[in-house]
Full PDB file with SEQRES, HELIX, SHEET, SSBOND, CRYST1, ORIGX, SCALE, CONECT and MASTER records, all heavy atoms in Angstrom:
SEQRES   1 A   37  VAL HIS GLY MET SER ALA VAL THR ALA VAL THR VAL GLN          
SEQRES   2 A   37  ASN SER LEU GLY VAL GLN GLY PHE SER GLU ILE PRO ALA          
SEQRES   3 A   37  ASP ILE VAL THR ALA GLN ILE LYS ALA VAL ALA                  
HELIX    1 AA1 ALA A   26  VAL A   36  1                                  11    
SHEET    1 AA1 2 ALA A   9  ASN A  14  0                                        
SHEET    2 AA1 2 GLY A  17  GLU A  23 -1                                        
CRYST1    1.000    1.000    1.000  90.00  90.00  90.00 P 1           1          
ORIGX1      1.000000  0.000000  0.000000        0.00000                         
ORIGX2      0.000000  1.000000  0.000000        0.00000                         
ORIGX3      0.000000  0.000000  1.000000        0.00000                         
SCALE1      1.000000  0.000000  0.000000        0.00000                         
SCALE2      0.000000  1.000000  0.000000        0.00000                         
SCALE3      0.000000  0.000000  1.000000        0.00000                         
ATOM      1  N   VAL A   1      74.418 125.159  68.313  1.00  0.00           N  
ATOM      2  CA  VAL A   1      73.818 124.887  69.602  1.00  0.00           C  
ATOM      3  C   VAL A   1      74.738 125.142  70.732  1.00  0.00           C  
ATOM      4  O   VAL A   1      76.014 125.114  70.541  1.00  0.00           O  
ATOM      5  CB  VAL A   1      73.200 123.432  69.730  1.00  0.00           C  
ATOM      6  CG1 VAL A   1      72.245 123.152  68.584  1.00  0.00           C  
ATOM      7  CG2 VAL A   1      74.304 122.479  69.669  1.00  0.00           C  
ATOM      8  N   HIS A   2      74.214 125.433  71.899  1.00  0.00           N  
ATOM      9  CA  HIS A   2      75.032 125.687  73.070  1.00  0.00           C  
ATOM     10  C   HIS A   2      75.485 124.357  73.665  1.00  0.00           C  
ATOM     11  O   HIS A   2      74.616 123.595  74.094  1.00  0.00           O  
ATOM     12  CB  HIS A   2      74.279 126.493  74.096  1.00  0.00           C  
ATOM     13  CG  HIS A   2      75.126 126.767  75.344  1.00  0.00           C  
ATOM     14  ND1 HIS A   2      76.111 127.770  75.436  1.00  0.00           N  
ATOM     15  CD2 HIS A   2      75.059 126.121  76.517  1.00  0.00           C  
ATOM     16  CE1 HIS A   2      76.643 127.671  76.603  1.00  0.00           C  
ATOM     17  NE2 HIS A   2      76.033 126.707  77.321  1.00  0.00           N  
ATOM     18  N   GLY A   3      76.739 124.081  73.723  1.00  0.00           N  
ATOM     19  CA  GLY A   3      77.256 122.845  74.235  1.00  0.00           C  
ATOM     20  C   GLY A   3      77.539 122.854  75.683  1.00  0.00           C  
ATOM     21  O   GLY A   3      78.083 123.827  76.239  1.00  0.00           O  
ATOM     22  N   MET A   4      77.153 121.785  76.390  1.00  0.00           N  
ATOM     23  CA  MET A   4      77.449 121.612  77.845  1.00  0.00           C  
ATOM     24  C   MET A   4      78.089 120.262  78.010  1.00  0.00           C  
ATOM     25  O   MET A   4      77.931 119.389  77.147  1.00  0.00           O  
ATOM     26  CB  MET A   4      76.196 121.680  78.668  1.00  0.00           C  
ATOM     27  CG  MET A   4      75.399 123.042  78.355  1.00  0.00           C  
ATOM     28  SD  MET A   4      73.767 123.097  79.133  1.00  0.00           S  
ATOM     29  CE  MET A   4      72.934 121.696  78.380  1.00  0.00           C  
ATOM     30  N   SER A   5      78.797 120.041  79.132  1.00  0.00           N  
ATOM     31  CA  SER A   5      79.511 118.775  79.272  1.00  0.00           C  
ATOM     32  C   SER A   5      79.471 118.230  80.721  1.00  0.00           C  
ATOM     33  O   SER A   5      79.415 119.039  81.637  1.00  0.00           O  
ATOM     34  CB  SER A   5      80.999 118.932  78.825  1.00  0.00           C  
ATOM     35  OG  SER A   5      81.606 119.896  79.698  1.00  0.00           O  
ATOM     36  N   ALA A   6      79.500 116.952  80.775  1.00  0.00           N  
ATOM     37  CA  ALA A   6      79.739 116.255  82.018  1.00  0.00           C  
ATOM     38  C   ALA A   6      80.904 115.306  81.735  1.00  0.00           C  
ATOM     39  O   ALA A   6      80.783 114.324  81.011  1.00  0.00           O  
ATOM     40  CB  ALA A   6      78.504 115.406  82.443  1.00  0.00           C  
ATOM     41  N   VAL A   7      82.035 115.605  82.339  1.00  0.00           N  
ATOM     42  CA  VAL A   7      83.279 114.838  82.056  1.00  0.00           C  
ATOM     43  C   VAL A   7      83.323 113.521  82.856  1.00  0.00           C  
ATOM     44  O   VAL A   7      83.114 113.578  84.085  1.00  0.00           O  
ATOM     45  CB  VAL A   7      84.534 115.706  82.404  1.00  0.00           C  
ATOM     46  CG1 VAL A   7      85.816 114.955  82.016  1.00  0.00           C  
ATOM     47  CG2 VAL A   7      84.433 117.037  81.682  1.00  0.00           C  
ATOM     48  N   THR A   8      83.513 112.440  82.185  1.00  0.00           N  
ATOM     49  CA  THR A   8      83.492 111.071  82.791  1.00  0.00           C  
ATOM     50  C   THR A   8      84.882 110.569  83.070  1.00  0.00           C  
ATOM     51  O   THR A   8      85.067 109.705  83.902  1.00  0.00           O  
ATOM     52  CB  THR A   8      82.782 110.125  81.957  1.00  0.00           C  
ATOM     53  OG1 THR A   8      83.435 109.997  80.653  1.00  0.00           O  
ATOM     54  CG2 THR A   8      81.296 110.557  81.724  1.00  0.00           C  
ATOM     55  N   ALA A   9      85.853 111.018  82.301  1.00  0.00           N  
ATOM     56  CA  ALA A   9      87.243 110.528  82.408  1.00  0.00           C  
ATOM     57  C   ALA A   9      88.181 111.525  81.734  1.00  0.00           C  
ATOM     58  O   ALA A   9      87.843 112.323  80.895  1.00  0.00           O  
ATOM     59  CB  ALA A   9      87.373 109.180  81.733  1.00  0.00           C  
ATOM     60  N   VAL A  10      89.435 111.444  82.177  1.00  0.00           N  
ATOM     61  CA  VAL A  10      90.511 112.316  81.629  1.00  0.00           C  
ATOM     62  C   VAL A  10      91.539 111.357  80.966  1.00  0.00           C  
ATOM     63  O   VAL A  10      92.053 110.504  81.651  1.00  0.00           O  
ATOM     64  CB  VAL A  10      91.163 113.176  82.662  1.00  0.00           C  
ATOM     65  CG1 VAL A  10      92.343 113.969  82.079  1.00  0.00           C  
ATOM     66  CG2 VAL A  10      90.158 114.133  83.310  1.00  0.00           C  
ATOM     67  N   THR A  11      91.707 111.511  79.699  1.00  0.00           N  
ATOM     68  CA  THR A  11      92.654 110.664  78.994  1.00  0.00           C  
ATOM     69  C   THR A  11      94.019 111.357  78.799  1.00  0.00           C  
ATOM     70  O   THR A  11      94.031 112.596  78.703  1.00  0.00           O  
ATOM     71  CB  THR A  11      92.129 110.257  77.586  1.00  0.00           C  
ATOM     72  OG1 THR A  11      92.098 111.415  76.719  1.00  0.00           O  
ATOM     73  CG2 THR A  11      90.767 109.609  77.656  1.00  0.00           C  
ATOM     74  N   VAL A  12      95.051 110.611  78.754  1.00  0.00           N  
ATOM     75  CA  VAL A  12      96.349 111.069  78.402  1.00  0.00           C  
ATOM     76  C   VAL A  12      96.518 110.673  76.950  1.00  0.00           C  
ATOM     77  O   VAL A  12      96.745 109.468  76.647  1.00  0.00           O  
ATOM     78  CB  VAL A  12      97.467 110.439  79.303  1.00  0.00           C  
ATOM     79  CG1 VAL A  12      98.841 110.966  78.879  1.00  0.00           C  
ATOM     80  CG2 VAL A  12      97.150 110.724  80.754  1.00  0.00           C  
ATOM     81  N   GLN A  13      96.410 111.616  76.015  1.00  0.00           N  
ATOM     82  CA  GLN A  13      96.225 111.194  74.599  1.00  0.00           C  
ATOM     83  C   GLN A  13      96.802 112.270  73.682  1.00  0.00           C  
ATOM     84  O   GLN A  13      96.810 113.436  73.997  1.00  0.00           O  
ATOM     85  CB  GLN A  13      94.693 111.107  74.413  1.00  0.00           C  
ATOM     86  CG  GLN A  13      94.273 110.610  73.019  1.00  0.00           C  
ATOM     87  CD  GLN A  13      92.817 110.374  72.901  1.00  0.00           C  
ATOM     88  OE1 GLN A  13      92.282 110.047  71.868  1.00  0.00           O  
ATOM     89  NE2 GLN A  13      92.045 110.543  73.982  1.00  0.00           N  
ATOM     90  N   ASN A  14      97.347 111.807  72.595  1.00  0.00           N  
ATOM     91  CA  ASN A  14      97.772 112.673  71.521  1.00  0.00           C  
ATOM     92  C   ASN A  14      97.517 112.006  70.196  1.00  0.00           C  
ATOM     93  O   ASN A  14      96.731 111.039  70.127  1.00  0.00           O  
ATOM     94  CB  ASN A  14      99.265 113.096  71.682  1.00  0.00           C  
ATOM     95  CG  ASN A  14     100.192 111.885  71.766  1.00  0.00           C  
ATOM     96  OD1 ASN A  14      99.870 110.777  71.282  1.00  0.00           O  
ATOM     97  ND2 ASN A  14     101.322 112.051  72.397  1.00  0.00           N  
ATOM     98  N   SER A  15      98.137 112.466  69.119  1.00  0.00           N  
ATOM     99  CA  SER A  15      97.859 111.928  67.785  1.00  0.00           C  
ATOM    100  C   SER A  15      98.343 110.467  67.636  1.00  0.00           C  
ATOM    101  O   SER A  15      98.023 109.743  66.681  1.00  0.00           O  
ATOM    102  CB  SER A  15      98.496 112.738  66.730  1.00  0.00           C  
ATOM    103  OG  SER A  15      99.926 112.750  66.778  1.00  0.00           O  
ATOM    104  N   LEU A  16      99.203 110.013  68.576  1.00  0.00           N  
ATOM    105  CA  LEU A  16      99.890 108.679  68.484  1.00  0.00           C  
ATOM    106  C   LEU A  16      99.016 107.626  69.308  1.00  0.00           C  
ATOM    107  O   LEU A  16      99.234 106.487  69.140  1.00  0.00           O  
ATOM    108  CB  LEU A  16     101.222 108.740  69.067  1.00  0.00           C  
ATOM    109  CG  LEU A  16     102.268 109.647  68.299  1.00  0.00           C  
ATOM    110  CD1 LEU A  16     103.563 109.693  68.962  1.00  0.00           C  
ATOM    111  CD2 LEU A  16     102.422 109.068  66.838  1.00  0.00           C  
ATOM    112  N   GLY A  17      98.096 108.096  70.074  1.00  0.00           N  
ATOM    113  CA  GLY A  17      97.245 107.144  70.773  1.00  0.00           C  
ATOM    114  C   GLY A  17      96.991 107.586  72.243  1.00  0.00           C  
ATOM    115  O   GLY A  17      97.330 108.690  72.686  1.00  0.00           O  
ATOM    116  N   VAL A  18      96.353 106.637  72.992  1.00  0.00           N  
ATOM    117  CA  VAL A  18      96.011 106.901  74.387  1.00  0.00           C  
ATOM    118  C   VAL A  18      97.043 106.225  75.266  1.00  0.00           C  
ATOM    119  O   VAL A  18      97.238 104.999  75.240  1.00  0.00           O  
ATOM    120  CB  VAL A  18      94.626 106.340  74.708  1.00  0.00           C  
ATOM    121  CG1 VAL A  18      94.253 106.572  76.147  1.00  0.00           C  
ATOM    122  CG2 VAL A  18      93.551 107.006  73.761  1.00  0.00           C  
ATOM    123  N   GLN A  19      97.704 107.033  76.087  1.00  0.00           N  
ATOM    124  CA  GLN A  19      98.723 106.477  77.015  1.00  0.00           C  
ATOM    125  C   GLN A  19      98.142 106.036  78.392  1.00  0.00           C  
ATOM    126  O   GLN A  19      98.722 105.359  79.138  1.00  0.00           O  
ATOM    127  CB  GLN A  19      99.862 107.440  77.212  1.00  0.00           C  
ATOM    128  CG  GLN A  19     100.783 107.623  75.967  1.00  0.00           C  
ATOM    129  CD  GLN A  19     100.220 108.576  74.909  1.00  0.00           C  
ATOM    130  OE1 GLN A  19      99.875 109.709  75.255  1.00  0.00           O  
ATOM    131  NE2 GLN A  19     100.169 108.075  73.705  1.00  0.00           N  
ATOM    132  N   GLY A  20      96.931 106.520  78.674  1.00  0.00           N  
ATOM    133  CA  GLY A  20      96.322 106.242  79.920  1.00  0.00           C  
ATOM    134  C   GLY A  20      95.091 107.011  80.180  1.00  0.00           C  
ATOM    135  O   GLY A  20      94.798 107.979  79.401  1.00  0.00           O  
ATOM    136  N   PHE A  21      94.292 106.639  81.157  1.00  0.00           N  
ATOM    137  CA  PHE A  21      93.127 107.512  81.501  1.00  0.00           C  
ATOM    138  C   PHE A  21      92.733 107.265  82.944  1.00  0.00           C  
ATOM    139  O   PHE A  21      93.078 106.243  83.568  1.00  0.00           O  
ATOM    140  CB  PHE A  21      91.915 107.237  80.558  1.00  0.00           C  
ATOM    141  CG  PHE A  21      91.251 105.869  80.732  1.00  0.00           C  
ATOM    142  CD1 PHE A  21      90.254 105.633  81.682  1.00  0.00           C  
ATOM    143  CD2 PHE A  21      91.625 104.815  79.875  1.00  0.00           C  
ATOM    144  CE1 PHE A  21      89.670 104.404  81.859  1.00  0.00           C  
ATOM    145  CE2 PHE A  21      90.915 103.577  79.947  1.00  0.00           C  
ATOM    146  CZ  PHE A  21      90.021 103.420  80.931  1.00  0.00           C  
ATOM    147  N   SER A  22      92.087 108.267  83.514  1.00  0.00           N  
ATOM    148  CA  SER A  22      91.588 108.186  84.928  1.00  0.00           C  
ATOM    149  C   SER A  22      90.156 108.522  84.918  1.00  0.00           C  
ATOM    150  O   SER A  22      89.752 109.605  84.409  1.00  0.00           O  
ATOM    151  CB  SER A  22      92.419 109.124  85.793  1.00  0.00           C  
ATOM    152  OG  SER A  22      91.999 109.072  87.120  1.00  0.00           O  
ATOM    153  N   GLU A  23      89.296 107.717  85.573  1.00  0.00           N  
ATOM    154  CA  GLU A  23      87.889 108.014  85.666  1.00  0.00           C  
ATOM    155  C   GLU A  23      87.549 109.079  86.695  1.00  0.00           C  
ATOM    156  O   GLU A  23      88.297 109.290  87.668  1.00  0.00           O  
ATOM    157  CB  GLU A  23      87.104 106.741  86.097  1.00  0.00           C  
ATOM    158  CG  GLU A  23      87.287 105.579  85.175  1.00  0.00           C  
ATOM    159  CD  GLU A  23      88.398 104.612  85.681  1.00  0.00           C  
ATOM    160  OE1 GLU A  23      89.125 104.994  86.627  1.00  0.00           O  
ATOM    161  OE2 GLU A  23      88.495 103.504  85.177  1.00  0.00           O  
ATOM    162  N   ILE A  24      86.551 109.870  86.377  1.00  0.00           N  
ATOM    163  CA  ILE A  24      85.998 110.842  87.347  1.00  0.00           C  
ATOM    164  C   ILE A  24      85.035 110.080  88.282  1.00  0.00           C  
ATOM    165  O   ILE A  24      84.312 109.190  87.782  1.00  0.00           O  
ATOM    166  CB  ILE A  24      85.284 111.978  86.614  1.00  0.00           C  
ATOM    167  CG1 ILE A  24      86.171 112.701  85.665  1.00  0.00           C  
ATOM    168  CG2 ILE A  24      84.639 112.931  87.601  1.00  0.00           C  
ATOM    169  CD1 ILE A  24      87.340 113.365  86.175  1.00  0.00           C  
ATOM    170  N   PRO A  25      85.008 110.331  89.604  1.00  0.00           N  
ATOM    171  CA  PRO A  25      84.090 109.670  90.443  1.00  0.00           C  
ATOM    172  C   PRO A  25      82.609 109.784  89.987  1.00  0.00           C  
ATOM    173  O   PRO A  25      82.241 110.875  89.467  1.00  0.00           O  
ATOM    174  CB  PRO A  25      84.312 110.390  91.788  1.00  0.00           C  
ATOM    175  CG  PRO A  25      85.648 110.932  91.742  1.00  0.00           C  
ATOM    176  CD  PRO A  25      85.924 111.258  90.320  1.00  0.00           C  
ATOM    177  N   ALA A  26      81.913 108.695  90.080  1.00  0.00           N  
ATOM    178  CA  ALA A  26      80.513 108.671  89.475  1.00  0.00           C  
ATOM    179  C   ALA A  26      79.624 109.763  90.119  1.00  0.00           C  
ATOM    180  O   ALA A  26      78.814 110.341  89.382  1.00  0.00           O  
ATOM    181  CB  ALA A  26      79.934 107.281  89.782  1.00  0.00           C  
ATOM    182  N   ASP A  27      79.781 110.109  91.386  1.00  0.00           N  
ATOM    183  CA  ASP A  27      78.945 111.112  91.939  1.00  0.00           C  
ATOM    184  C   ASP A  27      79.231 112.505  91.392  1.00  0.00           C  
ATOM    185  O   ASP A  27      78.347 113.349  91.296  1.00  0.00           O  
ATOM    186  CB  ASP A  27      79.045 111.132  93.456  1.00  0.00           C  
ATOM    187  CG  ASP A  27      80.492 111.441  93.973  1.00  0.00           C  
ATOM    188  OD1 ASP A  27      81.427 111.144  93.257  1.00  0.00           O  
ATOM    189  OD2 ASP A  27      80.595 111.997  95.083  1.00  0.00           O  
ATOM    190  N   ILE A  28      80.469 112.720  90.957  1.00  0.00           N  
ATOM    191  CA  ILE A  28      80.816 114.011  90.327  1.00  0.00           C  
ATOM    192  C   ILE A  28      80.253 114.071  88.884  1.00  0.00           C  
ATOM    193  O   ILE A  28      79.766 115.098  88.448  1.00  0.00           O  
ATOM    194  CB  ILE A  28      82.323 114.209  90.312  1.00  0.00           C  
ATOM    195  CG1 ILE A  28      82.930 114.240  91.743  1.00  0.00           C  
ATOM    196  CG2 ILE A  28      82.742 115.491  89.527  1.00  0.00           C  
ATOM    197  CD1 ILE A  28      82.386 115.369  92.579  1.00  0.00           C  
ATOM    198  N   VAL A  29      80.275 112.932  88.212  1.00  0.00           N  
ATOM    199  CA  VAL A  29      79.644 112.866  86.845  1.00  0.00           C  
ATOM    200  C   VAL A  29      78.160 113.226  86.982  1.00  0.00           C  
ATOM    201  O   VAL A  29      77.669 114.066  86.237  1.00  0.00           O  
ATOM    202  CB  VAL A  29      79.845 111.465  86.229  1.00  0.00           C  
ATOM    203  CG1 VAL A  29      79.078 111.383  84.913  1.00  0.00           C  
ATOM    204  CG2 VAL A  29      81.341 111.172  86.029  1.00  0.00           C  
ATOM    205  N   THR A  30      77.489 112.586  87.880  1.00  0.00           N  
ATOM    206  CA  THR A  30      76.022 112.878  88.000  1.00  0.00           C  
ATOM    207  C   THR A  30      75.783 114.267  88.494  1.00  0.00           C  
ATOM    208  O   THR A  30      74.776 114.878  88.017  1.00  0.00           O  
ATOM    209  CB  THR A  30      75.405 111.812  88.954  1.00  0.00           C  
ATOM    210  OG1 THR A  30      75.967 111.929  90.279  1.00  0.00           O  
ATOM    211  CG2 THR A  30      75.561 110.431  88.443  1.00  0.00           C  
ATOM    212  N   ALA A  31      76.568 114.837  89.316  1.00  0.00           N  
ATOM    213  CA  ALA A  31      76.357 116.188  89.802  1.00  0.00           C  
ATOM    214  C   ALA A  31      76.546 117.132  88.601  1.00  0.00           C  
ATOM    215  O   ALA A  31      75.839 118.157  88.548  1.00  0.00           O  
ATOM    216  CB  ALA A  31      77.428 116.499  90.931  1.00  0.00           C  
ATOM    217  N   GLN A  32      77.464 116.916  87.703  1.00  0.00           N  
ATOM    218  CA  GLN A  32      77.620 117.743  86.522  1.00  0.00           C  
ATOM    219  C   GLN A  32      76.328 117.784  85.684  1.00  0.00           C  
ATOM    220  O   GLN A  32      75.796 118.785  85.251  1.00  0.00           O  
ATOM    221  CB  GLN A  32      78.721 117.295  85.677  1.00  0.00           C  
ATOM    222  CG  GLN A  32      80.119 117.408  86.294  1.00  0.00           C  
ATOM    223  CD  GLN A  32      81.196 116.819  85.411  1.00  0.00           C  
ATOM    224  OE1 GLN A  32      81.665 117.458  84.412  1.00  0.00           O  
ATOM    225  NE2 GLN A  32      81.609 115.551  85.710  1.00  0.00           N  
ATOM    226  N   ILE A  33      75.769 116.552  85.488  1.00  0.00           N  
ATOM    227  CA  ILE A  33      74.491 116.406  84.720  1.00  0.00           C  
ATOM    228  C   ILE A  33      73.418 117.195  85.365  1.00  0.00           C  
ATOM    229  O   ILE A  33      72.694 117.936  84.715  1.00  0.00           O  
ATOM    230  CB  ILE A  33      74.148 114.974  84.493  1.00  0.00           C  
ATOM    231  CG1 ILE A  33      75.225 114.224  83.740  1.00  0.00           C  
ATOM    232  CG2 ILE A  33      72.781 114.865  83.734  1.00  0.00           C  
ATOM    233  CD1 ILE A  33      75.026 112.704  83.667  1.00  0.00           C  
ATOM    234  N   LYS A  34      73.251 116.980  86.668  1.00  0.00           N  
ATOM    235  CA  LYS A  34      72.151 117.623  87.381  1.00  0.00           C  
ATOM    236  C   LYS A  34      72.278 119.173  87.375  1.00  0.00           C  
ATOM    237  O   LYS A  34      71.335 119.977  87.286  1.00  0.00           O  
ATOM    238  CB  LYS A  34      72.047 117.145  88.796  1.00  0.00           C  
ATOM    239  CG  LYS A  34      71.534 115.684  88.871  1.00  0.00           C  
ATOM    240  CD  LYS A  34      71.576 115.172  90.308  1.00  0.00           C  
ATOM    241  CE  LYS A  34      70.985 113.793  90.411  1.00  0.00           C  
ATOM    242  NZ  LYS A  34      71.006 113.297  91.856  1.00  0.00           N  
ATOM    243  N   ALA A  35      73.555 119.636  87.491  1.00  0.00           N  
ATOM    244  CA  ALA A  35      73.798 121.051  87.542  1.00  0.00           C  
ATOM    245  C   ALA A  35      73.311 121.794  86.322  1.00  0.00           C  
ATOM    246  O   ALA A  35      72.655 122.848  86.358  1.00  0.00           O  
ATOM    247  CB  ALA A  35      75.274 121.332  87.844  1.00  0.00           C  
ATOM    248  N   VAL A  36      73.706 121.263  85.133  1.00  0.00           N  
ATOM    249  CA  VAL A  36      73.331 121.882  83.898  1.00  0.00           C  
ATOM    250  C   VAL A  36      71.883 121.667  83.549  1.00  0.00           C  
ATOM    251  O   VAL A  36      71.141 122.593  83.050  1.00  0.00           O  
ATOM    252  CB  VAL A  36      74.314 121.547  82.762  1.00  0.00           C  
ATOM    253  CG1 VAL A  36      75.683 121.945  83.053  1.00  0.00           C  
ATOM    254  CG2 VAL A  36      74.239 120.042  82.463  1.00  0.00           C  
ATOM    255  N   ALA A  37      71.346 120.439  83.759  1.00  0.00           N  
ATOM    256  CA  ALA A  37      70.039 120.143  83.366  1.00  0.00           C  
ATOM    257  C   ALA A  37      69.017 120.947  84.218  1.00  0.00           C  
ATOM    258  O   ALA A  37      67.997 121.440  83.783  1.00  0.00           O  
ATOM    259  CB  ALA A  37      69.715 118.688  83.563  1.00  0.00           C  
TER     260      ALA A  37                                                      
MASTER        0    0    0    1    2    0    0    6  259    1    0    3          
END                                                                             
């Protein structure tokens, strides 16, 4: 299937675990969903 994405957060992560994350602003998340839908 063709995959599309709305990114909600960016994690700082590797095989050892998550060192941190930063959220994407909610309005940008919803704009991504509306754009592809």
